Amino acid sequence: MEEVDKILIHSLRQAGTSVPPEVQSVRDLTPELVVAAAVRCLRAVSPALGNALSPALPPGISARFRLASELAAACQELGFGGDVGYQTFLYSSEHDVRRLLLFLVEKLPRDEGHRGAETPGNSMGGAPQVVTCPPKCPRVPQDAKRDEVVRKAYKYLAALHENCAQLIRTIEDTGTIQREIRDLEEQIEVEGSSKLPASLERILSDCRALREENAQLAARVRHA
């Protein structure tokens, strides 16, 4: 996962997230950075979904829950198929954060100059492979159709196009299967070395802060 995380974090920086240089893996991402990265990606992919969301996690616990819930709903609307909720951004495991950010990064738009470039989702640890089809088959001029050599060459070119398209679909399907296998392997690894104590401590701290906020609101109501 080390190489995947490096590519992922590099992509997040390119998308506009200010990730500190000391952050080298998803494990090092704080809730503030996860929220900022998700919002930046959403704004690039779908401004209608992302522009209404703040990339800065607010200090108040209630406001944090509200922003994280809205962010989770936006990711679902974008098509993320995994489990996602406010806890994904505030208390989630390394595996869940990586899976969500990979989804968002793979959705980022790419211009013509970057088409076929390597993304974290298709990186298998080796050199990036760029697969492209040959140019679209040109139309054969009417007078050239009588030329047997031209007809045969055109048939070969058309067959090459069809086989190339099938090859690309096979490569994409293989990549999907490899990603699913990698996700399962990582989930096993995460379950074996869970960060539950750290997450639990963060949850308890937020609960205490939420009680304090509620107590302050109740005091204002009494003195109103």
C-alpha atoms as a PDB file:
ATOM      1  CA  MET A   1       0.000   0.000   0.000  1.00  0.00           C
ATOM      2  CA  GLU A   2       2.969   2.352   0.408  1.00  0.00           C
ATOM      3  CA  GLU A   3       3.298   3.075  -3.314  1.00  0.00           C
ATOM      4  CA  VAL A   4      -0.467   3.466  -3.738  1.00  0.00           C
ATOM      5  CA  ASP A   5      -0.595   5.932  -0.841  1.00  0.00           C
ATOM      6  CA  LYS A   6       2.227   8.031  -2.320  1.00  0.00           C
ATOM      7  CA  ILE A   7       0.413   8.303  -5.660  1.00  0.00           C
ATOM      8  CA  LEU A   8      -2.869   9.014  -3.886  1.00  0.00           C
ATOM      9  CA  ILE A   9      -1.445  11.808  -1.729  1.00  0.00           C
ATOM     10  CA  HIS A  10       0.343  13.297  -4.747  1.00  0.00           C
ATOM     11  CA  SER A  11      -3.013  13.347  -6.580  1.00  0.00           C
ATOM     12  CA  LEU A  12      -4.673  15.046  -3.603  1.00  0.00           C
ATOM     13  CA  ARG A  13      -2.013  17.761  -3.629  1.00  0.00           C
ATOM     14  CA  GLN A  14      -2.567  18.296  -7.359  1.00  0.00           C
ATOM     15  CA  ALA A  15      -6.297  18.614  -6.695  1.00  0.00           C
ATOM     16  CA  GLY A  16      -5.621  21.533  -4.346  1.00  0.00           C
ATOM     17  CA  THR A  17      -5.361  19.951  -0.915  1.00  0.00           C
ATOM     18  CA  SER A  18      -2.549  21.359   1.244  1.00  0.00           C
ATOM     19  CA  VAL A  19      -1.094  18.069   2.464  1.00  0.00           C
ATOM     20  CA  PRO A  20       2.017  18.647   4.626  1.00  0.00           C
ATOM     21  CA  PRO A  21       5.239  17.081   3.293  1.00  0.00           C
ATOM     22  CA  GLU A  22       5.543  14.836   6.347  1.00  0.00           C
ATOM     23  CA  VAL A  23       2.296  13.087   5.415  1.00  0.00           C
ATOM     24  CA  GLN A  24       3.345  10.055   3.370  1.00  0.00           C
ATOM     25  CA  SER A  25       0.441   7.640   3.791  1.00  0.00           C
ATOM     26  CA  VAL A  26      -3.289   7.533   4.437  1.00  0.00           C
ATOM     27  CA  ARG A  27      -2.458   6.518   8.003  1.00  0.00           C
ATOM     28  CA  ASP A  28      -1.045  10.005   8.576  1.00  0.00           C
ATOM     29  CA  LEU A  29      -4.156  11.875   7.380  1.00  0.00           C
ATOM     30  CA  THR A  30      -6.074  13.721  10.096  1.00  0.00           C
ATOM     31  CA  PRO A  31      -9.870  14.189   9.933  1.00  0.00           C
ATOM     32  CA  GLU A  32      -9.205  17.801   8.897  1.00  0.00           C
ATOM     33  CA  LEU A  33      -7.120  16.656   5.919  1.00  0.00           C
ATOM     34  CA  VAL A  34      -9.610  13.932   4.946  1.00  0.00           C
ATOM     35  CA  VAL A  35     -12.455  16.464   4.859  1.00  0.00           C
ATOM     36  CA  ALA A  36     -10.384  19.014   2.941  1.00  0.00           C
ATOM     37  CA  ALA A  37      -9.268  16.414   0.383  1.00  0.00           C
ATOM     38  CA  ALA A  38     -12.796  15.077  -0.138  1.00  0.00           C
ATOM     39  CA  VAL A  39     -14.266  18.554  -0.629  1.00  0.00           C
ATOM     40  CA  ARG A  40     -11.495  19.614  -3.061  1.00  0.00           C
ATOM     41  CA  CYS A  41     -12.073  16.476  -5.138  1.00  0.00           C
ATOM     42  CA  LEU A  42     -15.844  16.948  -5.099  1.00  0.00           C
ATOM     43  CA  ARG A  43     -15.475  20.545  -6.287  1.00  0.00           C
ATOM     44  CA  ALA A  44     -13.297  19.397  -9.182  1.00  0.00           C
ATOM     45  CA  VAL A  45     -15.571  16.506 -10.155  1.00  0.00           C
ATOM     46  CA  SER A  46     -18.975  18.067  -9.496  1.00  0.00           C
ATOM     47  CA  PRO A  47     -19.058  21.760  -8.541  1.00  0.00           C
ATOM     48  CA  ALA A  48     -22.795  21.470  -7.898  1.00  0.00           C
ATOM     49  CA  LEU A  49     -22.056  19.005  -5.085  1.00  0.00           C
ATOM     50  CA  GLY A  50     -18.784  20.405  -3.763  1.00  0.00           C
ATOM     51  CA  ASN A  51     -19.113  24.191  -3.884  1.00  0.00           C
ATOM     52  CA  ALA A  52     -21.658  24.277  -1.075  1.00  0.00           C
ATOM     53  CA  LEU A  53     -19.314  22.367   1.266  1.00  0.00           C
ATOM     54  CA  SER A  54     -16.518  23.895   3.322  1.00  0.00           C
ATOM     55  CA  PRO A  55     -13.078  22.246   3.088  1.00  0.00           C
ATOM     56  CA  ALA A  56     -12.338  23.411   6.644  1.00  0.00           C
ATOM     57  CA  LEU A  57     -13.585  21.219   9.463  1.00  0.00           C
ATOM     58  CA  PRO A  58     -15.297  23.576  11.952  1.00  0.00           C
ATOM     59  CA  PRO A  59     -14.309  23.575  15.643  1.00  0.00           C
ATOM     60  CA  GLY A  60     -17.807  22.923  17.001  1.00  0.00           C
ATOM     61  CA  ILE A  61     -18.754  19.256  17.359  1.00  0.00           C
ATOM     62  CA  SER A  62     -22.318  19.735  16.101  1.00  0.00           C
ATOM     63  CA  ALA A  63     -21.051  21.623  13.058  1.00  0.00           C
ATOM     64  CA  ARG A  64     -18.485  18.877  12.405  1.00  0.00           C
ATOM     65  CA  PHE A  65     -21.186  16.207  12.417  1.00  0.00           C
ATOM     66  CA  ARG A  66     -23.323  18.296  10.080  1.00  0.00           C
ATOM     67  CA  LEU A  67     -20.523  18.937   7.577  1.00  0.00           C
ATOM     68  CA  ALA A  68     -19.343  15.300   7.648  1.00  0.00           C
ATOM     69  CA  SER A  69     -22.920  14.069   7.093  1.00  0.00           C
ATOM     70  CA  GLU A  70     -23.422  16.433   4.136  1.00  0.00           C
ATOM     71  CA  LEU A  71     -20.083  15.347   2.696  1.00  0.00           C
ATOM     72  CA  ALA A  72     -21.060  11.686   3.017  1.00  0.00           C
ATOM     73  CA  ALA A  73     -24.348  12.353   1.218  1.00  0.00           C
ATOM     74  CA  ALA A  74     -22.484  14.126  -1.604  1.00  0.00           C
ATOM     75  CA  CYS A  75     -20.130  11.150  -2.050  1.00  0.00           C
ATOM     76  CA  GLN A  76     -23.104   8.798  -2.248  1.00  0.00           C
ATOM     77  CA  GLU A  77     -24.753  11.025  -4.828  1.00  0.00           C
ATOM     78  CA  LEU A  78     -21.541  10.952  -6.848  1.00  0.00           C
ATOM     79  CA  GLY A  79     -21.789   7.160  -6.953  1.00  0.00           C
ATOM     80  CA  PHE A  80     -19.602   5.853  -4.120  1.00  0.00           C
ATOM     81  CA  GLY A  81     -20.832   2.336  -3.433  1.00  0.00           C
ATOM     82  CA  GLY A  82     -19.204   1.687  -0.063  1.00  0.00           C
ATOM     83  CA  ASP A  83     -20.488   2.491   3.395  1.00  0.00           C
ATOM     84  CA  VAL A  84     -20.039   6.185   4.080  1.00  0.00           C
ATOM     85  CA  GLY A  85     -21.339   8.447   6.834  1.00  0.00           C
ATOM     86  CA  TYR A  86     -20.110  11.177   9.154  1.00  0.00           C
ATOM     87  CA  GLN A  87     -17.948   8.579  10.907  1.00  0.00           C
ATOM     88  CA  THR A  88     -16.030   7.955   7.669  1.00  0.00           C
ATOM     89  CA  PHE A  89     -14.507  11.427   7.926  1.00  0.00           C
ATOM     90  CA  LEU A  90     -14.275  11.792  11.702  1.00  0.00           C
ATOM     91  CA  TYR A  91     -13.515   8.316  13.085  1.00  0.00           C
ATOM     92  CA  SER A  92     -12.965   6.003  10.138  1.00  0.00           C
ATOM     93  CA  SER A  93     -10.365   3.302   9.641  1.00  0.00           C
ATOM     94  CA  GLU A  94      -7.401   3.678   7.338  1.00  0.00           C
ATOM     95  CA  HIS A  95      -8.949   1.204   4.911  1.00  0.00           C
ATOM     96  CA  ASP A  96     -12.246   3.086   4.612  1.00  0.00           C
ATOM     97  CA  VAL A  97     -10.529   6.454   4.122  1.00  0.00           C
ATOM     98  CA  ARG A  98      -8.221   5.046   1.448  1.00  0.00           C
ATOM     99  CA  ARG A  99     -11.112   3.429  -0.405  1.00  0.00           C
ATOM    100  CA  LEU A 100     -13.148   6.645  -0.433  1.00  0.00           C
ATOM    101  CA  LEU A 101     -10.247   8.877  -1.495  1.00  0.00           C
ATOM    102  CA  LEU A 102      -9.260   6.457  -4.268  1.00  0.00           C
ATOM    103  CA  PHE A 103     -12.818   6.651  -5.569  1.00  0.00           C
ATOM    104  CA  LEU A 104     -12.755  10.448  -5.558  1.00  0.00           C
ATOM    105  CA  VAL A 105      -9.298  10.716  -7.148  1.00  0.00           C
ATOM    106  CA  GLU A 106     -10.273   8.328  -9.943  1.00  0.00           C
ATOM    107  CA  LYS A 107     -13.238  10.617 -10.667  1.00  0.00           C
ATOM    108  CA  LEU A 108     -11.029  13.684 -11.113  1.00  0.00           C
ATOM    109  CA  PRO A 109     -11.194  15.093 -14.666  1.00  0.00           C
ATOM    110  CA  ARG A 110      -8.135  14.685 -16.871  1.00  0.00           C
ATOM    111  CA  ASP A 111      -7.311  16.678 -19.967  1.00  0.00           C
ATOM    112  CA  GLU A 112      -6.157  15.217 -23.239  1.00  0.00           C
ATOM    113  CA  GLY A 113      -2.507  15.491 -22.236  1.00  0.00           C
ATOM    114  CA  HIS A 114      -3.031  13.255 -19.216  1.00  0.00           C
ATOM    115  CA  ARG A 115      -5.349  10.725 -20.764  1.00  0.00           C
ATOM    116  CA  GLY A 116      -4.120   7.237 -20.000  1.00  0.00           C
ATOM    117  CA  ALA A 117      -1.937   8.464 -17.134  1.00  0.00           C
ATOM    118  CA  GLU A 118      -1.474   6.333 -14.037  1.00  0.00           C
ATOM    119  CA  THR A 119      -3.907   6.767 -11.167  1.00  0.00           C
ATOM    120  CA  PRO A 120      -3.799   5.219  -7.659  1.00  0.00           C
ATOM    121  CA  GLY A 121      -6.600   2.841  -8.595  1.00  0.00           C
ATOM    122  CA  ASN A 122      -4.761   1.270 -11.521  1.00  0.00           C
ATOM    123  CA  SER A 123      -1.266   1.291  -9.998  1.00  0.00           C
ATOM    124  CA  MET A 124      -0.016  -2.194  -9.313  1.00  0.00           C
ATOM    125  CA  GLY A 125       3.421  -1.116  -8.092  1.00  0.00           C
ATOM    126  CA  GLY A 126       5.147  -1.282 -11.502  1.00  0.00           C
ATOM    127  CA  ALA A 127       5.611   1.193 -14.304  1.00  0.00           C
ATOM    128  CA  PRO A 128       2.387   2.760 -15.577  1.00  0.00           C
ATOM    129  CA  GLN A 129       0.983   1.105 -18.661  1.00  0.00           C
ATOM    130  CA  VAL A 130      -0.649   3.311 -21.258  1.00  0.00           C
ATOM    131  CA  VAL A 131      -3.061   1.453 -23.515  1.00  0.00           C
ATOM    132  CA  THR A 132      -4.487   3.218 -26.530  1.00  0.00           C
ATOM    133  CA  CYS A 133      -6.216   2.088 -29.675  1.00  0.00           C
ATOM    134  CA  PRO A 134      -4.903   2.939 -33.119  1.00  0.00           C
ATOM    135  CA  PRO A 135      -6.568   5.861 -34.896  1.00  0.00           C
ATOM    136  CA  LYS A 136     -10.131   5.373 -35.998  1.00  0.00           C
ATOM    137  CA  CYS A 137     -10.469   3.423 -39.214  1.00  0.00           C
ATOM    138  CA  PRO A 138     -10.681   5.867 -42.136  1.00  0.00           C
ATOM    139  CA  ARG A 139     -13.366   5.520 -44.738  1.00  0.00           C
ATOM    140  CA  VAL A 140     -12.146   3.790 -47.855  1.00  0.00           C
ATOM    141  CA  PRO A 141     -12.485   5.974 -50.964  1.00  0.00           C
ATOM    142  CA  GLN A 142     -15.071   4.625 -53.370  1.00  0.00           C
ATOM    143  CA  ASP A 143     -12.573   4.155 -56.190  1.00  0.00           C
ATOM    144  CA  ALA A 144     -10.143   2.336 -53.875  1.00  0.00           C
ATOM    145  CA  LYS A 145     -12.693  -0.320 -52.949  1.00  0.00           C
ATOM    146  CA  ARG A 146     -11.903  -2.067 -56.217  1.00  0.00           C
ATOM    147  CA  ASP A 147      -8.297  -2.498 -55.098  1.00  0.00           C
ATOM    148  CA  GLU A 148      -7.939  -5.920 -53.447  1.00  0.00           C
ATOM    149  CA  VAL A 149      -4.866  -4.863 -51.436  1.00  0.00           C
ATOM    150  CA  VAL A 150      -6.656  -1.800 -50.027  1.00  0.00           C
ATOM    151  CA  ARG A 151      -9.712  -3.859 -49.093  1.00  0.00           C
ATOM    152  CA  LYS A 152      -7.599  -6.429 -47.249  1.00  0.00           C
ATOM    153  CA  ALA A 153      -5.621  -3.726 -45.440  1.00  0.00           C
ATOM    154  CA  TYR A 154      -8.846  -2.062 -44.354  1.00  0.00           C
ATOM    155  CA  LYS A 155     -10.241  -5.358 -43.057  1.00  0.00           C
ATOM    156  CA  TYR A 156      -7.071  -5.959 -41.040  1.00  0.00           C
ATOM    157  CA  LEU A 157      -7.235  -2.450 -39.601  1.00  0.00           C
ATOM    158  CA  ALA A 158     -10.889  -2.896 -38.627  1.00  0.00           C
ATOM    159  CA  ALA A 159     -10.080  -6.226 -36.955  1.00  0.00           C
ATOM    160  CA  LEU A 160      -7.189  -4.591 -35.109  1.00  0.00           C
ATOM    161  CA  HIS A 161      -9.555  -1.927 -33.773  1.00  0.00           C
ATOM    162  CA  GLU A 162     -12.046  -4.489 -32.538  1.00  0.00           C
ATOM    163  CA  ASN A 163      -9.386  -6.656 -30.883  1.00  0.00           C
ATOM    164  CA  CYS A 164      -7.787  -3.583 -29.273  1.00  0.00           C
ATOM    165  CA  ALA A 165     -11.120  -2.533 -27.744  1.00  0.00           C
ATOM    166  CA  GLN A 166     -11.637  -6.044 -26.374  1.00  0.00           C
ATOM    167  CA  LEU A 167      -8.107  -6.025 -24.943  1.00  0.00           C
ATOM    168  CA  ILE A 168      -8.709  -2.713 -23.161  1.00  0.00           C
ATOM    169  CA  ARG A 169     -11.956  -4.020 -21.659  1.00  0.00           C
ATOM    170  CA  THR A 170     -10.121  -7.128 -20.443  1.00  0.00           C
ATOM    171  CA  ILE A 171      -7.356  -5.006 -18.870  1.00  0.00           C
ATOM    172  CA  GLU A 172      -9.949  -2.801 -17.145  1.00  0.00           C
ATOM    173  CA  ASP A 173     -11.816  -5.846 -15.813  1.00  0.00           C
ATOM    174  CA  THR A 174      -8.552  -7.345 -14.568  1.00  0.00           C
ATOM    175  CA  GLY A 175      -7.684  -4.085 -12.821  1.00  0.00           C
ATOM    176  CA  THR A 176     -11.077  -4.051 -11.102  1.00  0.00           C
ATOM    177  CA  ILE A 177     -10.586  -7.598  -9.823  1.00  0.00           C
ATOM    178  CA  GLN A 178      -7.066  -6.793  -8.616  1.00  0.00           C
ATOM    179  CA  ARG A 179      -8.344  -3.734  -6.748  1.00  0.00           C
ATOM    180  CA  GLU A 180     -11.047  -5.822  -5.068  1.00  0.00           C
ATOM    181  CA  ILE A 181      -8.465  -8.409  -4.023  1.00  0.00           C
ATOM    182  CA  ARG A 182      -6.215  -5.642  -2.700  1.00  0.00           C
ATOM    183  CA  ASP A 183      -9.128  -4.142  -0.748  1.00  0.00           C
ATOM    184  CA  LEU A 184      -9.885  -7.497   0.857  1.00  0.00           C
ATOM    185  CA  GLU A 185      -6.242  -8.094   1.753  1.00  0.00           C
ATOM    186  CA  GLU A 186      -5.974  -4.627   3.249  1.00  0.00           C
ATOM    187  CA  GLN A 187      -9.184  -5.085   5.213  1.00  0.00           C
ATOM    188  CA  ILE A 188      -7.722  -8.239   6.751  1.00  0.00           C
ATOM    189  CA  GLU A 189      -4.560  -6.317   7.606  1.00  0.00           C
ATOM    190  CA  VAL A 190      -6.532  -3.461   9.151  1.00  0.00           C
ATOM    191  CA  GLU A 191      -8.671  -5.825  11.199  1.00  0.00           C
ATOM    192  CA  GLY A 192      -5.477  -7.445  12.486  1.00  0.00           C
ATOM    193  CA  SER A 193      -3.976  -4.125  13.595  1.00  0.00           C
ATOM    194  CA  SER A 194      -7.018  -2.014  14.412  1.00  0.00           C
ATOM    195  CA  LYS A 195      -6.646   1.534  15.661  1.00  0.00           C
ATOM    196  CA  LEU A 196      -9.746   1.204  17.790  1.00  0.00           C
ATOM    197  CA  PRO A 197      -8.223   2.721  20.973  1.00  0.00           C
ATOM    198  CA  ALA A 198      -7.232   5.932  19.145  1.00  0.00           C
ATOM    199  CA  SER A 199     -10.620   6.209  17.434  1.00  0.00           C
ATOM    200  CA  LEU A 200     -12.424   5.470  20.676  1.00  0.00           C
ATOM    201  CA  GLU A 201     -10.482   8.179  22.486  1.00  0.00           C
ATOM    202  CA  ARG A 202     -11.374  10.671  19.750  1.00  0.00           C
ATOM    203  CA  ILE A 203     -15.053   9.693  19.970  1.00  0.00           C
ATOM    204  CA  LEU A 204     -15.067  10.060  23.762  1.00  0.00           C
ATOM    205  CA  SER A 205     -13.379  13.453  23.468  1.00  0.00           C
ATOM    206  CA  ASP A 206     -15.984  14.635  20.983  1.00  0.00           C
ATOM    207  CA  CYS A 207     -18.774  13.357  23.221  1.00  0.00           C
ATOM    208  CA  ARG A 208     -17.426  15.400  26.103  1.00  0.00           C
ATOM    209  CA  ALA A 209     -17.177  18.471  23.886  1.00  0.00           C
ATOM    210  CA  LEU A 210     -20.720  17.881  22.628  1.00  0.00           C
ATOM    211  CA  ARG A 211     -22.023  17.726  26.211  1.00  0.00           C
ATOM    212  CA  GLU A 212     -20.287  21.005  26.936  1.00  0.00           C
ATOM    213  CA  GLU A 213     -21.880  22.611  23.862  1.00  0.00           C
ATOM    214  CA  ASN A 214     -25.301  21.358  24.932  1.00  0.00           C
ATOM    215  CA  ALA A 215     -24.769  22.656  28.460  1.00  0.00           C
ATOM    216  CA  GLN A 216     -23.831  26.090  27.099  1.00  0.00           C
ATOM    217  CA  LEU A 217     -26.921  26.145  24.859  1.00  0.00           C
ATOM    218  CA  ALA A 218     -29.127  25.122  27.774  1.00  0.00           C
ATOM    219  CA  ALA A 219     -27.650  27.904  29.900  1.00  0.00           C
ATOM    220  CA  ARG A 220     -28.410  30.464  27.184  1.00  0.00           C
ATOM    221  CA  VAL A 221     -31.983  29.240  26.984  1.00  0.00           C
ATOM    222  CA  ARG A 222     -32.417  29.565  30.754  1.00  0.00           C
ATOM    223  CA  HIS A 223     -31.077  33.121  30.748  1.00  0.00           C
ATOM    224  CA  ALA A 224     -32.991  34.195  27.658  1.00  0.00           C
END
